[in-house]
Structures are given as structure tokens and as C-alpha cells.
């Protein structure tokens, strides 16, 4: 597998960029929850990367598998802020997208 620590470092940078936009006031929580989500995905990412490397999976399938795990994103810190459900969904989707894009860029 590609270097998972490098993945986390790159993801952290992506999440910092993400939190600089419309989610600026939630940056600390977004960063924490995004990294926790990525750590939960580590075993799956290792497995999927192996399948991708031996051509058993396409990049698109890899992306869909990452997106399918969004229920693992518990967003503990963000939920503590009592944000509206629609705002939490926007943030959840943005975090999942950042994780997926970073995984494709760094791990595949």
C-alpha cells in the first residue's frame, strides 16, 4: 500500500483547504472528524488499493467504494455544534469527497 501517513498528511492539507471556504467556522471539528473517518477506512483502503493494483478494480469502482462508506463518518465533533441536518450533510459530503480524491491521488 502507498504510505498511509503520507495519505493522512495530504488529506489534512485538503481538509484545511476545505475548511477555509464556506466551512471556516467549523475548521477544527471538520479536520478532526475527517481524519478519524480516514483512519477507520485504512483496512478497506489497503484492500481496495491491492485490488486496483492488480486490475481487479477500476478507479471509478474505487471511488464508489470510498463514497459508500460515508456512514462511517460519525462527525462527533461537528454534531456537538448542533448544526442543522442539511449543513451536516453538506459537510459530510465534502469530507467524503476530500478523502476519496486524496486516496485516488496518493494511494492509487
PDB file of N, CA and C in Angstrom:
ATOM      1  N   UNK A   1       0.853  -1.174   0.000  1.00  0.00           N
ATOM      2  CA  UNK A   1       0.000   0.000   0.000  1.00  0.00           C
ATOM      3  C   UNK A   1       0.893   1.229   0.000  1.00  0.00           C
ATOM      4  N   UNK A   2       0.381   2.270  -0.627  1.00  0.00           N
ATOM      5  CA  UNK A   2       1.072   3.545  -0.554  1.00  0.00           C
ATOM      6  C   UNK A   2       1.221   3.951   0.900  1.00  0.00           C
ATOM      7  N   UNK A   3       2.010   4.901   1.147  1.00  0.00           N
ATOM      8  CA  UNK A   3       2.283   5.357   2.506  1.00  0.00           C
ATOM      9  C   UNK A   3       1.032   5.989   3.115  1.00  0.00           C
ATOM     10  N   UNK A   4       0.432   5.313   4.106  1.00  0.00           N
ATOM     11  CA  UNK A   4      -0.798   5.809   4.718  1.00  0.00           C
ATOM     12  C   UNK A   4      -0.557   7.109   5.469  1.00  0.00           C
ATOM     13  N   UNK A   5       0.618   7.253   6.070  1.00  0.00           N
ATOM     14  CA  UNK A   5       0.929   8.511   6.761  1.00  0.00           C
ATOM     15  C   UNK A   5       0.988   9.674   5.771  1.00  0.00           C
ATOM     16  N   UNK A   6       1.523   9.420   4.587  1.00  0.00           N
ATOM     17  CA  UNK A   6       1.537  10.444   3.534  1.00  0.00           C
ATOM     18  C   UNK A   6       0.103  10.780   3.120  1.00  0.00           C
ATOM     19  N   UNK A   7      -0.725   9.752   3.012  1.00  0.00           N
ATOM     20  CA  UNK A   7      -2.138   9.964   2.697  1.00  0.00           C
ATOM     21  C   UNK A   7      -2.792  10.865   3.742  1.00  0.00           C
ATOM     22  N   UNK A   8      -2.562  10.553   5.028  1.00  0.00           N
ATOM     23  CA  UNK A   8      -3.171  11.361   6.097  1.00  0.00           C
ATOM     24  C   UNK A   8      -2.657  12.801   6.074  1.00  0.00           C
ATOM     25  N   UNK A   9      -1.384  12.966   5.817  1.00  0.00           N
ATOM     26  CA  UNK A   9      -0.803  14.310   5.747  1.00  0.00           C
ATOM     27  C   UNK A   9      -1.407  15.105   4.592  1.00  0.00           C
ATOM     28  N   UNK A  10      -1.512  14.469   3.439  1.00  0.00           N
ATOM     29  CA  UNK A  10      -2.098  15.126   2.269  1.00  0.00           C
ATOM     30  C   UNK A  10      -3.575  15.418   2.508  1.00  0.00           C
ATOM     31  N   UNK A  11      -4.264  14.470   3.146  1.00  0.00           N
ATOM     32  CA  UNK A  11      -5.676  14.674   3.461  1.00  0.00           C
ATOM     33  C   UNK A  11      -5.848  15.845   4.422  1.00  0.00           C
ATOM     34  N   UNK A  12      -4.976  15.925   5.404  1.00  0.00           N
ATOM     35  CA  UNK A  12      -5.051  17.027   6.353  1.00  0.00           C
ATOM     36  C   UNK A  12      -4.965  18.366   5.608  1.00  0.00           C
ATOM     37  N   UNK A  13      -4.047  18.466   4.667  1.00  0.00           N
ATOM     38  CA  UNK A  13      -3.927  19.688   3.869  1.00  0.00           C
ATOM     39  C   UNK A  13      -5.201  19.959   3.076  1.00  0.00           C
ATOM     40  N   UNK A  14      -5.782  18.912   2.500  1.00  0.00           N
ATOM     41  CA  UNK A  14      -7.027  19.065   1.736  1.00  0.00           C
ATOM     42  C   UNK A  14      -8.171  19.535   2.632  1.00  0.00           C
ATOM     43  N   UNK A  15      -8.239  18.981   3.832  1.00  0.00           N
ATOM     44  CA  UNK A  15      -9.299  19.362   4.761  1.00  0.00           C
ATOM     45  C   UNK A  15      -9.106  20.792   5.266  1.00  0.00           C
ATOM     46  N   UNK A  16      -7.863  21.199   5.452  1.00  0.00           N
ATOM     47  CA  UNK A  16      -7.590  22.584   5.851  1.00  0.00           C
ATOM     48  C   UNK A  16      -8.055  23.532   4.752  1.00  0.00           C
ATOM     49  N   UNK A  17      -7.759  23.176   3.484  1.00  0.00           N
ATOM     50  CA  UNK A  17      -8.230  23.992   2.357  1.00  0.00           C
ATOM     51  C   UNK A  17      -9.753  24.035   2.320  1.00  0.00           C
ATOM     52  N   UNK A  18     -10.373  22.892   2.518  1.00  0.00           N
ATOM     53  CA  UNK A  18     -11.828  22.795   2.511  1.00  0.00           C
ATOM     54  C   UNK A  18     -12.435  23.665   3.610  1.00  0.00           C
ATOM     55  N   UNK A  19     -11.832  23.625   4.770  1.00  0.00           N
ATOM     56  CA  UNK A  19     -12.380  24.390   5.886  1.00  0.00           C
ATOM     57  C   UNK A  19     -12.115  25.881   5.757  1.00  0.00           C
ATOM     58  N   UNK A  20     -11.289  26.276   4.822  1.00  0.00           N
ATOM     59  CA  UNK A  20     -11.041  27.695   4.595  1.00  0.00           C
ATOM     60  C   UNK A  20     -12.155  28.352   3.806  1.00  0.00           C
ATOM     61  N   UNK A  21     -13.023  27.561   3.210  1.00  0.00           N
ATOM     62  CA  UNK A  21     -14.125  28.093   2.418  1.00  0.00           C
ATOM     63  C   UNK A  21     -15.356  28.330   3.271  1.00  0.00           C
ATOM     64  N   UNK A  22     -16.455  27.792   2.824  1.00  0.00           N
ATOM     65  CA  UNK A  22     -17.730  28.048   3.497  1.00  0.00           C
ATOM     66  C   UNK A  22     -17.862  27.348   4.852  1.00  0.00           C
ATOM     67  N   UNK A  23     -16.914  26.481   5.182  1.00  0.00           N
ATOM     68  CA  UNK A  23     -16.966  25.762   6.451  1.00  0.00           C
ATOM     69  C   UNK A  23     -15.932  26.298   7.444  1.00  0.00           C
ATOM     70  N   UNK A  24     -15.486  27.509   7.237  1.00  0.00           N
ATOM     71  CA  UNK A  24     -14.386  28.076   8.030  1.00  0.00           C
ATOM     72  C   UNK A  24     -14.643  28.024   9.538  1.00  0.00           C
ATOM     73  N   UNK A  25     -15.860  28.313   9.947  1.00  0.00           N
ATOM     74  CA  UNK A  25     -16.138  28.350  11.388  1.00  0.00           C
ATOM     75  C   UNK A  25     -16.160  26.969  12.035  1.00  0.00           C
ATOM     76  N   UNK A  26     -16.083  25.920  11.212  1.00  0.00           N
ATOM     77  CA  UNK A  26     -16.073  24.558  11.738  1.00  0.00           C
ATOM     78  C   UNK A  26     -14.743  23.859  11.452  1.00  0.00           C
ATOM     79  N   UNK A  27     -13.706  24.610  11.142  1.00  0.00           N
ATOM     80  CA  UNK A  27     -12.457  24.030  10.637  1.00  0.00           C
ATOM     81  C   UNK A  27     -11.837  23.000  11.580  1.00  0.00           C
ATOM     82  N   UNK A  28     -11.780  23.286  12.860  1.00  0.00           N
ATOM     83  CA  UNK A  28     -11.158  22.360  13.806  1.00  0.00           C
ATOM     84  C   UNK A  28     -11.931  21.041  13.866  1.00  0.00           C
ATOM     85  N   UNK A  29     -13.251  21.144  13.923  1.00  0.00           N
ATOM     86  CA  UNK A  29     -14.087  19.948  14.002  1.00  0.00           C
ATOM     87  C   UNK A  29     -14.043  19.158  12.689  1.00  0.00           C
ATOM     88  N   UNK A  30     -14.076  19.863  11.574  1.00  0.00           N
ATOM     89  CA  UNK A  30     -14.043  19.220  10.268  1.00  0.00           C
ATOM     90  C   UNK A  30     -12.735  18.440  10.109  1.00  0.00           C
ATOM     91  N   UNK A  31     -11.636  19.039  10.488  1.00  0.00           N
ATOM     92  CA  UNK A  31     -10.336  18.387  10.385  1.00  0.00           C
ATOM     93  C   UNK A  31     -10.293  17.131  11.258  1.00  0.00           C
ATOM     94  N   UNK A  32     -10.732  17.240  12.487  1.00  0.00           N
ATOM     95  CA  UNK A  32     -10.741  16.093  13.401  1.00  0.00           C
ATOM     96  C   UNK A  32     -11.596  14.954  12.845  1.00  0.00           C
ATOM     97  N   UNK A  33     -12.814  15.273  12.461  1.00  0.00           N
ATOM     98  CA  UNK A  33     -13.741  14.231  12.001  1.00  0.00           C
ATOM     99  C   UNK A  33     -13.286  13.614  10.678  1.00  0.00           C
ATOM    100  N   UNK A  34     -12.711  14.422   9.799  1.00  0.00           N
ATOM    101  CA  UNK A  34     -12.219  13.901   8.527  1.00  0.00           C
ATOM    102  C   UNK A  34     -11.063  12.925   8.708  1.00  0.00           C
ATOM    103  N   UNK A  35     -10.138  13.250   9.591  1.00  0.00           N
ATOM    104  CA  UNK A  35      -9.004  12.357   9.854  1.00  0.00           C
ATOM    105  C   UNK A  35      -9.478  11.075  10.527  1.00  0.00           C
ATOM    106  N   UNK A  36     -10.407  11.180  11.457  1.00  0.00           N
ATOM    107  CA  UNK A  36     -10.946   9.983  12.122  1.00  0.00           C
ATOM    108  C   UNK A  36     -11.629   9.060  11.103  1.00  0.00           C
ATOM    109  N   UNK A  37     -12.365   9.637  10.186  1.00  0.00           N
ATOM    110  CA  UNK A  37     -13.023   8.861   9.126  1.00  0.00           C
ATOM    111  C   UNK A  37     -11.977   8.123   8.294  1.00  0.00           C
ATOM    112  N   UNK A  38     -10.927   8.818   7.894  1.00  0.00           N
ATOM    113  CA  UNK A  38      -9.877   8.203   7.084  1.00  0.00           C
ATOM    114  C   UNK A  38      -9.204   7.053   7.831  1.00  0.00           C
ATOM    115  N   UNK A  39      -8.978   7.218   9.111  1.00  0.00           N
ATOM    116  CA  UNK A  39      -8.351   6.153   9.899  1.00  0.00           C
ATOM    117  C   UNK A  39      -9.241   4.917   9.959  1.00  0.00           C
ATOM    118  N   UNK A  40     -10.552   5.122  10.043  1.00  0.00           N
ATOM    119  CA  UNK A  40     -11.480   3.985  10.047  1.00  0.00           C
ATOM    120  C   UNK A  40     -11.455   3.247   8.714  1.00  0.00           C
ATOM    121  N   UNK A  41     -11.157   3.969   7.652  1.00  0.00           N
ATOM    122  CA  UNK A  41     -11.135   3.373   6.315  1.00  0.00           C
ATOM    123  C   UNK A  41      -9.823   2.665   5.984  1.00  0.00           C
ATOM    124  N   UNK A  42      -8.817   2.809   6.817  1.00  0.00           N
ATOM    125  CA  UNK A  42      -7.487   2.286   6.471  1.00  0.00           C
ATOM    126  C   UNK A  42      -7.501   0.825   5.998  1.00  0.00           C
ATOM    127  N   UNK A  43      -8.139  -0.113   6.718  1.00  0.00           N
ATOM    128  CA  UNK A  43      -8.123  -1.503   6.227  1.00  0.00           C
ATOM    129  C   UNK A  43      -8.782  -1.652   4.848  1.00  0.00           C
ATOM    130  N   UNK A  44      -9.888  -0.957   4.653  1.00  0.00           N
ATOM    131  CA  UNK A  44     -10.568  -1.023   3.359  1.00  0.00           C
ATOM    132  C   UNK A  44      -9.700  -0.422   2.261  1.00  0.00           C
ATOM    133  N   UNK A  45      -9.097   0.719   2.548  1.00  0.00           N
ATOM    134  CA  UNK A  45      -8.252   1.371   1.545  1.00  0.00           C
ATOM    135  C   UNK A  45      -7.090   0.475   1.139  1.00  0.00           C
ATOM    136  N   UNK A  46      -6.501  -0.225   2.095  1.00  0.00           N
ATOM    137  CA  UNK A  46      -5.406  -1.151   1.787  1.00  0.00           C
ATOM    138  C   UNK A  46      -5.884  -2.258   0.858  1.00  0.00           C
ATOM    139  N   UNK A  47      -7.029  -2.815   1.188  1.00  0.00           N
ATOM    140  CA  UNK A  47      -7.588  -3.895   0.374  1.00  0.00           C
ATOM    141  C   UNK A  47      -7.934  -3.414  -1.029  1.00  0.00           C
ATOM    142  N   UNK A  48      -8.599  -2.275  -1.109  1.00  0.00           N
ATOM    143  CA  UNK A  48      -9.015  -1.753  -2.407  1.00  0.00           C
ATOM    144  C   UNK A  48      -7.824  -1.343  -3.264  1.00  0.00           C
ATOM    145  N   UNK A  49      -6.796  -0.818  -2.616  1.00  0.00           N
ATOM    146  CA  UNK A  49      -5.604  -0.437  -3.370  1.00  0.00           C
ATOM    147  C   UNK A  49      -4.962  -1.672  -3.990  1.00  0.00           C
ATOM    148  N   UNK A  50      -4.938  -2.765  -3.226  1.00  0.00           N
ATOM    149  CA  UNK A  50      -4.386  -4.016  -3.751  1.00  0.00           C
ATOM    150  C   UNK A  50      -5.199  -4.490  -4.952  1.00  0.00           C
ATOM    151  N   UNK A  51      -6.513  -4.474  -4.822  1.00  0.00           N
ATOM    152  CA  UNK A  51      -7.373  -4.892  -5.932  1.00  0.00           C
ATOM    153  C   UNK A  51      -7.158  -3.998  -7.155  1.00  0.00           C
ATOM    154  N   UNK A  52      -7.018  -2.713  -6.906  1.00  0.00           N
ATOM    155  CA  UNK A  52      -6.778  -1.777  -8.010  1.00  0.00           C
ATOM    156  C   UNK A  52      -5.436  -2.080  -8.683  1.00  0.00           C
ATOM    157  N   UNK A  53      -4.416  -2.340  -7.880  1.00  0.00           N
ATOM    158  CA  UNK A  53      -3.073  -2.543  -8.435  1.00  0.00           C
ATOM    159  C   UNK A  53      -2.978  -3.806  -9.278  1.00  0.00           C
ATOM    160  N   UNK A  54      -3.832  -4.779  -9.013  1.00  0.00           N
ATOM    161  CA  UNK A  54      -3.804  -5.998  -9.832  1.00  0.00           C
ATOM    162  C   UNK A  54      -4.961  -6.011 -10.843  1.00  0.00           C
ATOM    163  N   UNK A  55      -5.487  -4.842 -11.082  1.00  0.00           N
ATOM    164  CA  UNK A  55      -6.504  -4.613 -12.121  1.00  0.00           C
ATOM    165  C   UNK A  55      -7.811  -5.359 -11.902  1.00  0.00           C
ATOM    166  N   UNK A  56      -8.167  -5.585 -10.641  1.00  0.00           N
ATOM    167  CA  UNK A  56      -9.451  -6.187 -10.326  1.00  0.00           C
ATOM    168  C   UNK A  56     -10.515  -5.129 -10.060  1.00  0.00           C
ATOM    169  N   UNK A  57     -10.085  -3.866 -10.083  1.00  0.00           N
ATOM    170  CA  UNK A  57     -10.993  -2.770  -9.780  1.00  0.00           C
ATOM    171  C   UNK A  57     -10.577  -1.554 -10.600  1.00  0.00           C
ATOM    172  N   UNK A  58     -11.572  -0.821 -11.038  1.00  0.00           N
ATOM    173  CA  UNK A  58     -11.280   0.421 -11.762  1.00  0.00           C
ATOM    174  C   UNK A  58     -11.208   1.588 -10.778  1.00  0.00           C
ATOM    175  N   UNK A  59     -10.690   2.693 -11.241  1.00  0.00           N
ATOM    176  CA  UNK A  59     -10.642   3.908 -10.420  1.00  0.00           C
ATOM    177  C   UNK A  59     -12.050   4.323 -10.019  1.00  0.00           C
ATOM    178  N   UNK A  60     -12.991   4.208 -10.931  1.00  0.00           N
ATOM    179  CA  UNK A  60     -14.374   4.583 -10.651  1.00  0.00           C
ATOM    180  C   UNK A  60     -14.979   3.687  -9.577  1.00  0.00           C
ATOM    181  N   UNK A  61     -14.682   2.401  -9.637  1.00  0.00           N
ATOM    182  CA  UNK A  61     -15.179   1.482  -8.605  1.00  0.00           C
ATOM    183  C   UNK A  61     -14.559   1.816  -7.248  1.00  0.00           C
ATOM    184  N   UNK A  62     -13.277   2.141  -7.252  1.00  0.00           N
ATOM    185  CA  UNK A  62     -12.600   2.554  -6.026  1.00  0.00           C
ATOM    186  C   UNK A  62     -13.289   3.773  -5.429  1.00  0.00           C
ATOM    187  N   UNK A  63     -13.556   4.761  -6.255  1.00  0.00           N
ATOM    188  CA  UNK A  63     -14.219   5.984  -5.798  1.00  0.00           C
ATOM    189  C   UNK A  63     -15.589   5.680  -5.211  1.00  0.00           C
ATOM    190  N   UNK A  64     -16.346   4.831  -5.860  1.00  0.00           N
ATOM    191  CA  UNK A  64     -17.680   4.478  -5.371  1.00  0.00           C
ATOM    192  C   UNK A  64     -17.610   3.735  -4.033  1.00  0.00           C
ATOM    193  N   UNK A  65     -16.612   2.887  -3.879  1.00  0.00           N
ATOM    194  CA  UNK A  65     -16.464   2.172  -2.606  1.00  0.00           C
ATOM    195  C   UNK A  65     -16.158   3.141  -1.470  1.00  0.00           C
ATOM    196  N   UNK A  66     -15.287   4.108  -1.712  1.00  0.00           N
ATOM    197  CA  UNK A  66     -14.990   5.107  -0.677  1.00  0.00           C
ATOM    198  C   UNK A  66     -16.264   5.866  -0.323  1.00  0.00           C
ATOM    199  N   UNK A  67     -16.992   6.308  -1.331  1.00  0.00           N
ATOM    200  CA  UNK A  67     -18.228   7.059  -1.085  1.00  0.00           C
ATOM    201  C   UNK A  67     -19.256   6.211  -0.336  1.00  0.00           C
ATOM    202  N   UNK A  68     -19.265   4.914  -0.589  1.00  0.00           N
ATOM    203  CA  UNK A  68     -20.250   4.039   0.049  1.00  0.00           C
ATOM    204  C   UNK A  68     -20.006   3.893   1.558  1.00  0.00           C
ATOM    205  N   UNK A  69     -18.851   4.294   2.019  1.00  0.00           N
ATOM    206  CA  UNK A  69     -18.507   4.172   3.435  1.00  0.00           C
ATOM    207  C   UNK A  69     -18.830   5.430   4.232  1.00  0.00           C
ATOM    208  N   UNK A  70     -19.550   6.367   3.638  1.00  0.00           N
ATOM    209  CA  UNK A  70     -19.782   7.642   4.321  1.00  0.00           C
ATOM    210  C   UNK A  70     -20.526   7.486   5.641  1.00  0.00           C
ATOM    211  N   UNK A  71     -21.208   6.373   5.843  1.00  0.00           N
ATOM    212  CA  UNK A  71     -21.888   6.146   7.128  1.00  0.00           C
ATOM    213  C   UNK A  71     -20.894   5.978   8.279  1.00  0.00           C
ATOM    214  N   UNK A  72     -19.648   5.645   7.961  1.00  0.00           N
ATOM    215  CA  UNK A  72     -18.619   5.536   8.996  1.00  0.00           C
ATOM    216  C   UNK A  72     -18.171   6.905   9.499  1.00  0.00           C
ATOM    217  N   UNK A  73     -18.529   7.931   8.763  1.00  0.00           N
ATOM    218  CA  UNK A  73     -18.170   9.293   9.152  1.00  0.00           C
ATOM    219  C   UNK A  73     -19.150   9.756  10.214  1.00  0.00           C
ATOM    220  N   UNK A  74     -18.765   9.593  11.461  1.00  0.00           N
ATOM    221  CA  UNK A  74     -19.670   9.876  12.580  1.00  0.00           C
ATOM    222  C   UNK A  74     -19.796  11.362  12.882  1.00  0.00           C
ATOM    223  N   UNK A  75     -18.802  12.129  12.565  1.00  0.00           N
ATOM    224  CA  UNK A  75     -18.806  13.579  12.760  1.00  0.00           C
ATOM    225  C   UNK A  75     -19.137  13.952  14.210  1.00  0.00           C
ATOM    226  N   UNK A  76     -18.460  13.300  15.136  1.00  0.00           N
ATOM    227  CA  UNK A  76     -18.701  13.544  16.557  1.00  0.00           C
ATOM    228  C   UNK A  76     -18.534  15.020  16.922  1.00  0.00           C
ATOM    229  N   UNK A  77     -17.417  15.593  16.509  1.00  0.00           N
ATOM    230  CA  UNK A  77     -17.128  16.986  16.883  1.00  0.00           C
ATOM    231  C   UNK A  77     -18.106  17.948  16.214  1.00  0.00           C
ATOM    232  N   UNK A  78     -18.465  17.673  14.967  1.00  0.00           N
ATOM    233  CA  UNK A  78     -19.400  18.554  14.263  1.00  0.00           C
ATOM    234  C   UNK A  78     -20.807  18.443  14.843  1.00  0.00           C
ATOM    235  N   UNK A  79     -21.197  17.261  15.263  1.00  0.00           N
ATOM    236  CA  UNK A  79     -22.530  17.083  15.853  1.00  0.00           C
ATOM    237  C   UNK A  79     -22.661  17.843  17.171  1.00  0.00           C
ATOM    238  N   UNK A  80     -21.553  17.996  17.870  1.00  0.00           N
ATOM    239  CA  UNK A  80     -21.577  18.742  19.130  1.00  0.00           C
ATOM    240  C   UNK A  80     -21.988  20.200  18.919  1.00  0.00           C
ATOM    241  N   UNK A  81     -21.862  20.684  17.693  1.00  0.00           N
ATOM    242  CA  UNK A  81     -22.209  22.072  17.391  1.00  0.00           C
ATOM    243  C   UNK A  81     -23.702  22.257  17.129  1.00  0.00           C
ATOM    244  N   UNK A  82     -24.452  21.141  17.108  1.00  0.00           N
ATOM    245  CA  UNK A  82     -25.897  21.178  16.857  1.00  0.00           C
ATOM    246  C   UNK A  82     -26.245  21.917  15.563  1.00  0.00           C
ATOM    247  N   UNK A  83     -25.517  21.583  14.508  1.00  0.00           N
ATOM    248  CA  UNK A  83     -25.779  22.185  13.198  1.00  0.00           C
ATOM    249  C   UNK A  83     -27.039  21.590  12.593  1.00  0.00           C
ATOM    250  N   UNK A  84     -27.696  22.333  11.721  1.00  0.00           N
ATOM    251  CA  UNK A  84     -28.856  21.772  11.015  1.00  0.00           C
ATOM    252  C   UNK A  84     -28.446  20.549  10.198  1.00  0.00           C
ATOM    253  N   UNK A  85     -29.374  19.647  10.030  1.00  0.00           N
ATOM    254  CA  UNK A  85     -29.116  18.400   9.301  1.00  0.00           C
ATOM    255  C   UNK A  85     -28.590  18.678   7.889  1.00  0.00           C
ATOM    256  N   UNK A  86     -29.142  19.673   7.221  1.00  0.00           N
ATOM    257  CA  UNK A  86     -28.692  19.981   5.858  1.00  0.00           C
ATOM    258  C   UNK A  86     -27.237  20.439   5.843  1.00  0.00           C
ATOM    259  N   UNK A  87     -26.827  21.203   6.831  1.00  0.00           N
ATOM    260  CA  UNK A  87     -25.440  21.667   6.913  1.00  0.00           C
ATOM    261  C   UNK A  87     -24.507  20.488   7.196  1.00  0.00           C
ATOM    262  N   UNK A  88     -24.929  19.602   8.083  1.00  0.00           N
ATOM    263  CA  UNK A  88     -24.121  18.410   8.367  1.00  0.00           C
ATOM    264  C   UNK A  88     -23.957  17.546   7.117  1.00  0.00           C
ATOM    265  N   UNK A  89     -25.016  17.420   6.330  1.00  0.00           N
ATOM    266  CA  UNK A  89     -24.926  16.637   5.095  1.00  0.00           C
ATOM    267  C   UNK A  89     -23.952  17.258   4.104  1.00  0.00           C
ATOM    268  N   UNK A  90     -23.965  18.578   3.986  1.00  0.00           N
ATOM    269  CA  UNK A  90     -23.021  19.259   3.091  1.00  0.00           C
ATOM    270  C   UNK A  90     -21.588  18.998   3.534  1.00  0.00           C
ATOM    271  N   UNK A  91     -21.361  19.099   4.826  1.00  0.00           N
ATOM    272  CA  UNK A  91     -20.018  18.884   5.349  1.00  0.00           C
ATOM    273  C   UNK A  91     -19.613  17.425   5.173  1.00  0.00           C
ATOM    274  N   UNK A  92     -20.530  16.506   5.472  1.00  0.00           N
ATOM    275  CA  UNK A  92     -20.251  15.069   5.303  1.00  0.00           C
ATOM    276  C   UNK A  92     -19.839  14.772   3.863  1.00  0.00           C
ATOM    277  N   UNK A  93     -20.608  15.271   2.914  1.00  0.00           N
ATOM    278  CA  UNK A  93     -20.296  15.024   1.506  1.00  0.00           C
ATOM    279  C   UNK A  93     -18.954  15.627   1.110  1.00  0.00           C
ATOM    280  N   UNK A  94     -18.650  16.801   1.644  1.00  0.00           N
ATOM    281  CA  UNK A  94     -17.377  17.454   1.327  1.00  0.00           C
ATOM    282  C   UNK A  94     -16.197  16.662   1.901  1.00  0.00           C
ATOM    283  N   UNK A  95     -16.343  16.156   3.118  1.00  0.00           N
ATOM    284  CA  UNK A  95     -15.276  15.361   3.721  1.00  0.00           C
ATOM    285  C   UNK A  95     -15.069  14.067   2.945  1.00  0.00           C
ATOM    286  N   UNK A  96     -16.146  13.381   2.619  1.00  0.00           N
ATOM    287  CA  UNK A  96     -16.041  12.123   1.876  1.00  0.00           C
ATOM    288  C   UNK A  96     -15.378  12.373   0.520  1.00  0.00           C
ATOM    289  N   UNK A  97     -15.753  13.441  -0.143  1.00  0.00           N
ATOM    290  CA  UNK A  97     -15.157  13.794  -1.432  1.00  0.00           C
ATOM    291  C   UNK A  97     -13.656  14.057  -1.282  1.00  0.00           C
ATOM    292  N   UNK A  98     -13.275  14.770  -0.220  1.00  0.00           N
ATOM    293  CA  UNK A  98     -11.854  15.053   0.016  1.00  0.00           C
ATOM    294  C   UNK A  98     -11.083  13.771   0.277  1.00  0.00           C
ATOM    295  N   UNK A  99     -11.646  12.872   1.068  1.00  0.00           N
ATOM    296  CA  UNK A  99     -10.983  11.596   1.345  1.00  0.00           C
ATOM    297  C   UNK A  99     -10.837  10.794   0.053  1.00  0.00           C
ATOM    298  N   UNK A 100     -11.915  10.728  -0.728  1.00  0.00           N
ATOM    299  CA  UNK A 100     -11.874   9.958  -1.972  1.00  0.00           C
ATOM    300  C   UNK A 100     -10.842  10.528  -2.939  1.00  0.00           C
ATOM    301  N   UNK A 101     -10.843  11.838  -3.140  1.00  0.00           N
ATOM    302  CA  UNK A 101      -9.907  12.459  -4.071  1.00  0.00           C
ATOM    303  C   UNK A 101      -8.460  12.286  -3.600  1.00  0.00           C
ATOM    304  N   UNK A 102      -8.234  12.430  -2.318  1.00  0.00           N
ATOM    305  CA  UNK A 102      -6.873  12.261  -1.781  1.00  0.00           C
ATOM    306  C   UNK A 102      -6.416  10.818  -1.910  1.00  0.00           C
ATOM    307  N   UNK A 103      -7.300   9.879  -1.632  1.00  0.00           N
ATOM    308  CA  UNK A 103      -6.948   8.460  -1.750  1.00  0.00           C
ATOM    309  C   UNK A 103      -6.575   8.122  -3.194  1.00  0.00           C
ATOM    310  N   UNK A 104      -7.346   8.629  -4.144  1.00  0.00           N
ATOM    311  CA  UNK A 104      -7.046   8.369  -5.558  1.00  0.00           C
ATOM    312  C   UNK A 104      -5.692   8.957  -5.919  1.00  0.00           C
ATOM    313  N   UNK A 105      -5.446  10.171  -5.466  1.00  0.00           N
ATOM    314  CA  UNK A 105      -4.211  10.878  -5.819  1.00  0.00           C
ATOM    315  C   UNK A 105      -2.986  10.242  -5.157  1.00  0.00           C
ATOM    316  N   UNK A 106      -3.102   9.853  -3.906  1.00  0.00           N
ATOM    317  CA  UNK A 106      -1.926   9.412  -3.147  1.00  0.00           C
ATOM    318  C   UNK A 106      -1.745   7.889  -3.158  1.00  0.00           C
ATOM    319  N   UNK A 107      -2.831   7.152  -3.104  1.00  0.00           N
ATOM    320  CA  UNK A 107      -2.726   5.718  -2.936  1.00  0.00           C
ATOM    321  C   UNK A 107      -2.764   4.900  -4.223  1.00  0.00           C
ATOM    322  N   UNK A 108      -3.398   5.436  -5.250  1.00  0.00           N
ATOM    323  CA  UNK A 108      -3.512   4.633  -6.482  1.00  0.00           C
ATOM    324  C   UNK A 108      -2.382   4.928  -7.444  1.00  0.00           C
TER     325      UNK A 108
END
